[in-house]
Amino acid sequence: MNQENTRRKLLAIITGFFSIAIGIIYLTLTTILDARGPMLPPPPEAFGLVAVVFS
């Protein structure tokens, strides 16, 4: 039973480490992407010429 508890504790520590690592990576990526500035819509030329005719 002692070996089983040791394995469970080790699994919990590894799982916690991965969880914290994923959180730190996520926060780092969002900070980097947010620091690039506000997102601007594309210029009207990017949409091309579209004409709709109703008759």
PDB file of N, CA and C in Angstrom:
ATOM      1  N   MET A   1       0.829  -1.194   0.000  1.00  0.00           N
ATOM      2  CA  MET A   1       0.000   0.000   0.000  1.00  0.00           C
ATOM      3  C   MET A   1       0.871   1.253   0.000  1.00  0.00           C
ATOM      4  N   ASN A   2       2.008   1.196   0.628  1.00  0.00           N
ATOM      5  CA  ASN A   2       2.886   2.359   0.683  1.00  0.00           C
ATOM      6  C   ASN A   2       3.405   2.717  -0.700  1.00  0.00           C
ATOM      7  N   GLN A   3       3.752   1.704  -1.506  1.00  0.00           N
ATOM      8  CA  GLN A   3       4.247   1.961  -2.861  1.00  0.00           C
ATOM      9  C   GLN A   3       3.136   2.552  -3.725  1.00  0.00           C
ATOM     10  N   GLU A   4       1.915   2.104  -3.520  1.00  0.00           N
ATOM     11  CA  GLU A   4       0.785   2.639  -4.289  1.00  0.00           C
ATOM     12  C   GLU A   4       0.555   4.110  -3.959  1.00  0.00           C
ATOM     13  N   ASN A   5       0.655   4.475  -2.683  1.00  0.00           N
ATOM     14  CA  ASN A   5       0.491   5.875  -2.300  1.00  0.00           C
ATOM     15  C   ASN A   5       1.605   6.737  -2.876  1.00  0.00           C
ATOM     16  N   THR A   6       2.816   6.218  -2.920  1.00  0.00           N
ATOM     17  CA  THR A   6       3.935   6.955  -3.490  1.00  0.00           C
ATOM     18  C   THR A   6       3.709   7.203  -4.976  1.00  0.00           C
ATOM     19  N   ARG A   7       3.214   6.202  -5.690  1.00  0.00           N
ATOM     20  CA  ARG A   7       2.930   6.366  -7.123  1.00  0.00           C
ATOM     21  C   ARG A   7       1.819   7.386  -7.341  1.00  0.00           C
ATOM     22  N   ARG A   8       0.809   7.383  -6.498  1.00  0.00           N
ATOM     23  CA  ARG A   8      -0.287   8.343  -6.632  1.00  0.00           C
ATOM     24  C   ARG A   8       0.203   9.767  -6.375  1.00  0.00           C
ATOM     25  N   LYS A   9       1.061   9.925  -5.369  1.00  0.00           N
ATOM     26  CA  LYS A   9       1.607  11.254  -5.079  1.00  0.00           C
ATOM     27  C   LYS A   9       2.463  11.753  -6.234  1.00  0.00           C
ATOM     28  N   LEU A  10       3.271  10.871  -6.796  1.00  0.00           N
ATOM     29  CA  LEU A  10       4.116  11.240  -7.926  1.00  0.00           C
ATOM     30  C   LEU A  10       3.258  11.627  -9.129  1.00  0.00           C
ATOM     31  N   LEU A  11       2.210  10.884  -9.392  1.00  0.00           N
ATOM     32  CA  LEU A  11       1.305  11.203 -10.493  1.00  0.00           C
ATOM     33  C   LEU A  11       0.623  12.555 -10.265  1.00  0.00           C
ATOM     34  N   ALA A  12       0.224  12.828  -9.038  1.00  0.00           N
ATOM     35  CA  ALA A  12      -0.414  14.108  -8.725  1.00  0.00           C
ATOM     36  C   ALA A  12       0.564  15.263  -8.924  1.00  0.00           C
ATOM     37  N   ILE A  13       1.813  15.077  -8.548  1.00  0.00           N
ATOM     38  CA  ILE A  13       2.822  16.134  -8.711  1.00  0.00           C
ATOM     39  C   ILE A  13       3.088  16.380 -10.190  1.00  0.00           C
ATOM     40  N   ILE A  14       3.218  15.312 -10.973  1.00  0.00           N
ATOM     41  CA  ILE A  14       3.466  15.469 -12.409  1.00  0.00           C
ATOM     42  C   ILE A  14       2.279  16.140 -13.092  1.00  0.00           C
ATOM     43  N   THR A  15       1.074  15.739 -12.736  1.00  0.00           N
ATOM     44  CA  THR A  15      -0.118  16.341 -13.321  1.00  0.00           C
ATOM     45  C   THR A  15      -0.221  17.824 -12.952  1.00  0.00           C
ATOM     46  N   GLY A  16       0.072  18.148 -11.709  1.00  0.00           N
ATOM     47  CA  GLY A  16       0.058  19.541 -11.287  1.00  0.00           C
ATOM     48  C   GLY A  16       1.097  20.365 -12.007  1.00  0.00           C
ATOM     49  N   PHE A  17       2.279  19.794 -12.226  1.00  0.00           N
ATOM     50  CA  PHE A  17       3.328  20.498 -12.947  1.00  0.00           C
ATOM     51  C   PHE A  17       2.891  20.819 -14.368  1.00  0.00           C
ATOM     52  N   PHE A  18       2.306  19.825 -15.069  1.00  0.00           N
ATOM     53  CA  PHE A  18       1.842  20.063 -16.431  1.00  0.00           C
ATOM     54  C   PHE A  18       0.721  21.101 -16.463  1.00  0.00           C
ATOM     55  N   SER A  19      -0.150  21.069 -15.490  1.00  0.00           N
ATOM     56  CA  SER A  19      -1.237  22.039 -15.437  1.00  0.00           C
ATOM     57  C   SER A  19      -0.700  23.459 -15.260  1.00  0.00           C
ATOM     58  N   ILE A  20       0.232  23.626 -14.374  1.00  0.00           N
ATOM     59  CA  ILE A  20       0.825  24.945 -14.148  1.00  0.00           C
ATOM     60  C   ILE A  20       1.614  25.391 -15.374  1.00  0.00           C
ATOM     61  N   ALA A  21       2.330  24.466 -16.016  1.00  0.00           N
ATOM     62  CA  ALA A  21       3.107  24.805 -17.210  1.00  0.00           C
ATOM     63  C   ALA A  21       2.199  25.266 -18.346  1.00  0.00           C
ATOM     64  N   ILE A  22       1.080  24.575 -18.542  1.00  0.00           N
ATOM     65  CA  ILE A  22       0.133  24.979 -19.586  1.00  0.00           C
ATOM     66  C   ILE A  22      -0.433  26.361 -19.283  1.00  0.00           C
ATOM     67  N   GLY A  23      -0.755  26.632 -18.027  1.00  0.00           N
ATOM     68  CA  GLY A  23      -1.262  27.950 -17.650  1.00  0.00           C
ATOM     69  C   GLY A  23      -0.255  29.049 -17.904  1.00  0.00           C
ATOM     70  N   ILE A  24       1.011  28.809 -17.581  1.00  0.00           N
ATOM     71  CA  ILE A  24       2.054  29.823 -17.792  1.00  0.00           C
ATOM     72  C   ILE A  24       2.274  30.052 -19.284  1.00  0.00           C
ATOM     73  N   ILE A  25       2.279  28.978 -20.071  1.00  0.00           N
ATOM     74  CA  ILE A  25       2.437  29.131 -21.524  1.00  0.00           C
ATOM     75  C   ILE A  25       1.276  29.919 -22.107  1.00  0.00           C
ATOM     76  N   TYR A  26       0.070  29.632 -21.654  1.00  0.00           N
ATOM     77  CA  TYR A  26      -1.113  30.359 -22.146  1.00  0.00           C
ATOM     78  C   TYR A  26      -1.020  31.848 -21.809  1.00  0.00           C
ATOM     79  N   LEU A  27      -0.674  32.160 -20.574  1.00  0.00           N
ATOM     80  CA  LEU A  27      -0.564  33.565 -20.182  1.00  0.00           C
ATOM     81  C   LEU A  27       0.544  34.274 -20.945  1.00  0.00           C
ATOM     82  N   THR A  28       1.647  33.597 -21.192  1.00  0.00           N
ATOM     83  CA  THR A  28       2.742  34.195 -21.952  1.00  0.00           C
ATOM     84  C   THR A  28       2.310  34.485 -23.389  1.00  0.00           C
ATOM     85  N   LEU A  29       1.651  33.520 -24.019  1.00  0.00           N
ATOM     86  CA  LEU A  29       1.203  33.735 -25.394  1.00  0.00           C
ATOM     87  C   LEU A  29       0.182  34.861 -25.497  1.00  0.00           C
ATOM     88  N   THR A  30      -0.764  34.912 -24.589  1.00  0.00           N
ATOM     89  CA  THR A  30      -1.761  35.984 -24.651  1.00  0.00           C
ATOM     90  C   THR A  30      -1.126  37.342 -24.394  1.00  0.00           C
ATOM     91  N   THR A  31      -0.132  37.406 -23.522  1.00  0.00           N
ATOM     92  CA  THR A  31       0.560  38.673 -23.274  1.00  0.00           C
ATOM     93  C   THR A  31       1.327  39.118 -24.515  1.00  0.00           C
ATOM     94  N   ILE A  32       2.022  38.198 -25.159  1.00  0.00           N
ATOM     95  CA  ILE A  32       2.785  38.545 -26.366  1.00  0.00           C
ATOM     96  C   ILE A  32       1.853  38.977 -27.486  1.00  0.00           C
ATOM     97  N   LEU A  33       0.782  38.223 -27.701  1.00  0.00           N
ATOM     98  CA  LEU A  33      -0.142  38.568 -28.776  1.00  0.00           C
ATOM     99  C   LEU A  33      -0.889  39.866 -28.490  1.00  0.00           C
ATOM    100  N   ASP A  34      -1.178  40.146 -27.240  1.00  0.00           N
ATOM    101  CA  ASP A  34      -1.888  41.369 -26.881  1.00  0.00           C
ATOM    102  C   ASP A  34      -0.979  42.586 -26.979  1.00  0.00           C
ATOM    103  N   ALA A  35       0.318  42.411 -26.824  1.00  0.00           N
ATOM    104  CA  ALA A  35       1.258  43.532 -26.859  1.00  0.00           C
ATOM    105  C   ALA A  35       1.484  44.044 -28.282  1.00  0.00           C
ATOM    106  N   ARG A  36       1.005  43.324 -29.270  1.00  0.00           N
ATOM    107  CA  ARG A  36       1.211  43.748 -30.656  1.00  0.00           C
ATOM    108  C   ARG A  36       0.354  44.946 -31.024  1.00  0.00           C
ATOM    109  N   GLY A  37      -0.616  45.277 -30.241  1.00  0.00           N
ATOM    110  CA  GLY A  37      -1.472  46.427 -30.524  1.00  0.00           C
ATOM    111  C   GLY A  37      -2.891  45.980 -30.829  1.00  0.00           C
ATOM    112  N   PRO A  38      -3.747  46.960 -31.031  1.00  0.00           N
ATOM    113  CA  PRO A  38      -5.150  46.625 -31.286  1.00  0.00           C
ATOM    114  C   PRO A  38      -5.312  45.984 -32.667  1.00  0.00           C
ATOM    115  N   MET A  39      -6.310  45.140 -32.767  1.00  0.00           N
ATOM    116  CA  MET A  39      -6.609  44.526 -34.056  1.00  0.00           C
ATOM    117  C   MET A  39      -7.433  45.513 -34.871  1.00  0.00           C
ATOM    118  N   LEU A  40      -6.972  45.786 -36.071  1.00  0.00           N
ATOM    119  CA  LEU A  40      -7.669  46.709 -36.954  1.00  0.00           C
ATOM    120  C   LEU A  40      -8.366  45.920 -38.065  1.00  0.00           C
ATOM    121  N   PRO A  41      -9.519  46.393 -38.501  1.00  0.00           N
ATOM    122  CA  PRO A  41     -10.178  45.692 -39.603  1.00  0.00           C
ATOM    123  C   PRO A  41      -9.376  45.885 -40.891  1.00  0.00           C
ATOM    124  N   PRO A  42      -9.516  44.992 -41.841  1.00  0.00           N
ATOM    125  CA  PRO A  42      -8.780  45.145 -43.095  1.00  0.00           C
ATOM    126  C   PRO A  42      -9.291  46.349 -43.872  1.00  0.00           C
ATOM    127  N   PRO A  43      -8.456  46.920 -44.715  1.00  0.00           N
ATOM    128  CA  PRO A  43      -8.918  48.064 -45.517  1.00  0.00           C
ATOM    129  C   PRO A  43      -9.995  47.617 -46.506  1.00  0.00           C
ATOM    130  N   PRO A  44     -10.806  48.545 -46.967  1.00  0.00           N
ATOM    131  CA  PRO A  44     -11.893  48.177 -47.896  1.00  0.00           C
ATOM    132  C   PRO A  44     -11.389  47.515 -49.176  1.00  0.00           C
ATOM    133  N   GLU A  45     -10.162  47.839 -49.591  1.00  0.00           N
ATOM    134  CA  GLU A  45      -9.632  47.256 -50.821  1.00  0.00           C
ATOM    135  C   GLU A  45      -9.461  45.737 -50.687  1.00  0.00           C
ATOM    136  N   ALA A  46      -9.304  45.255 -49.481  1.00  0.00           N
ATOM    137  CA  ALA A  46      -9.082  43.826 -49.265  1.00  0.00           C
ATOM    138  C   ALA A  46     -10.344  43.008 -49.555  1.00  0.00           C
ATOM    139  N   PHE A  47     -11.498  43.635 -49.507  1.00  0.00           N
ATOM    140  CA  PHE A  47     -12.739  42.916 -49.742  1.00  0.00           C
ATOM    141  C   PHE A  47     -13.049  42.736 -51.223  1.00  0.00           C
ATOM    142  N   GLY A  48     -12.443  43.538 -52.077  1.00  0.00           N
ATOM    143  CA  GLY A  48     -12.712  43.456 -53.511  1.00  0.00           C
ATOM    144  C   GLY A  48     -13.984  44.234 -53.850  1.00  0.00           C
ATOM    145  N   LEU A  49     -14.290  44.218 -55.104  1.00  0.00           N
ATOM    146  CA  LEU A  49     -15.469  44.947 -55.565  1.00  0.00           C
ATOM    147  C   LEU A  49     -16.657  43.999 -55.619  1.00  0.00           C
ATOM    148  N   VAL A  50     -17.711  44.332 -54.868  1.00  0.00           N
ATOM    149  CA  VAL A  50     -18.909  43.501 -54.830  1.00  0.00           C
ATOM    150  C   VAL A  50     -20.092  44.378 -55.172  1.00  0.00           C
ATOM    151  N   ALA A  51     -20.853  43.941 -56.144  1.00  0.00           N
ATOM    152  CA  ALA A  51     -22.041  44.709 -56.559  1.00  0.00           C
ATOM    153  C   ALA A  51     -23.250  43.784 -56.472  1.00  0.00           C
ATOM    154  N   VAL A  52     -24.308  44.292 -55.871  1.00  0.00           N
ATOM    155  CA  VAL A  52     -25.551  43.543 -55.769  1.00  0.00           C
ATOM    156  C   VAL A  52     -26.630  44.339 -56.476  1.00  0.00           C
ATOM    157  N   VAL A  53     -27.299  43.702 -57.419  1.00  0.00           N
ATOM    158  CA  VAL A  53     -28.332  44.375 -58.196  1.00  0.00           C
ATOM    159  C   VAL A  53     -29.651  43.664 -57.972  1.00  0.00           C
ATOM    160  N   PHE A  54     -30.652  44.429 -57.547  1.00  0.00           N
ATOM    161  CA  PHE A  54     -32.000  43.893 -57.385  1.00  0.00           C
ATOM    162  C   PHE A  54     -32.875  44.453 -58.483  1.00  0.00           C
ATOM    163  N   SER A  55     -33.643  43.613 -59.088  1.00  0.00           N
ATOM    164  CA  SER A  55     -34.544  44.119 -60.119  1.00  0.00           C
ATOM    165  C   SER A  55     -35.972  43.742 -59.839  1.00  0.00           C
TER     166      SER A  55
END
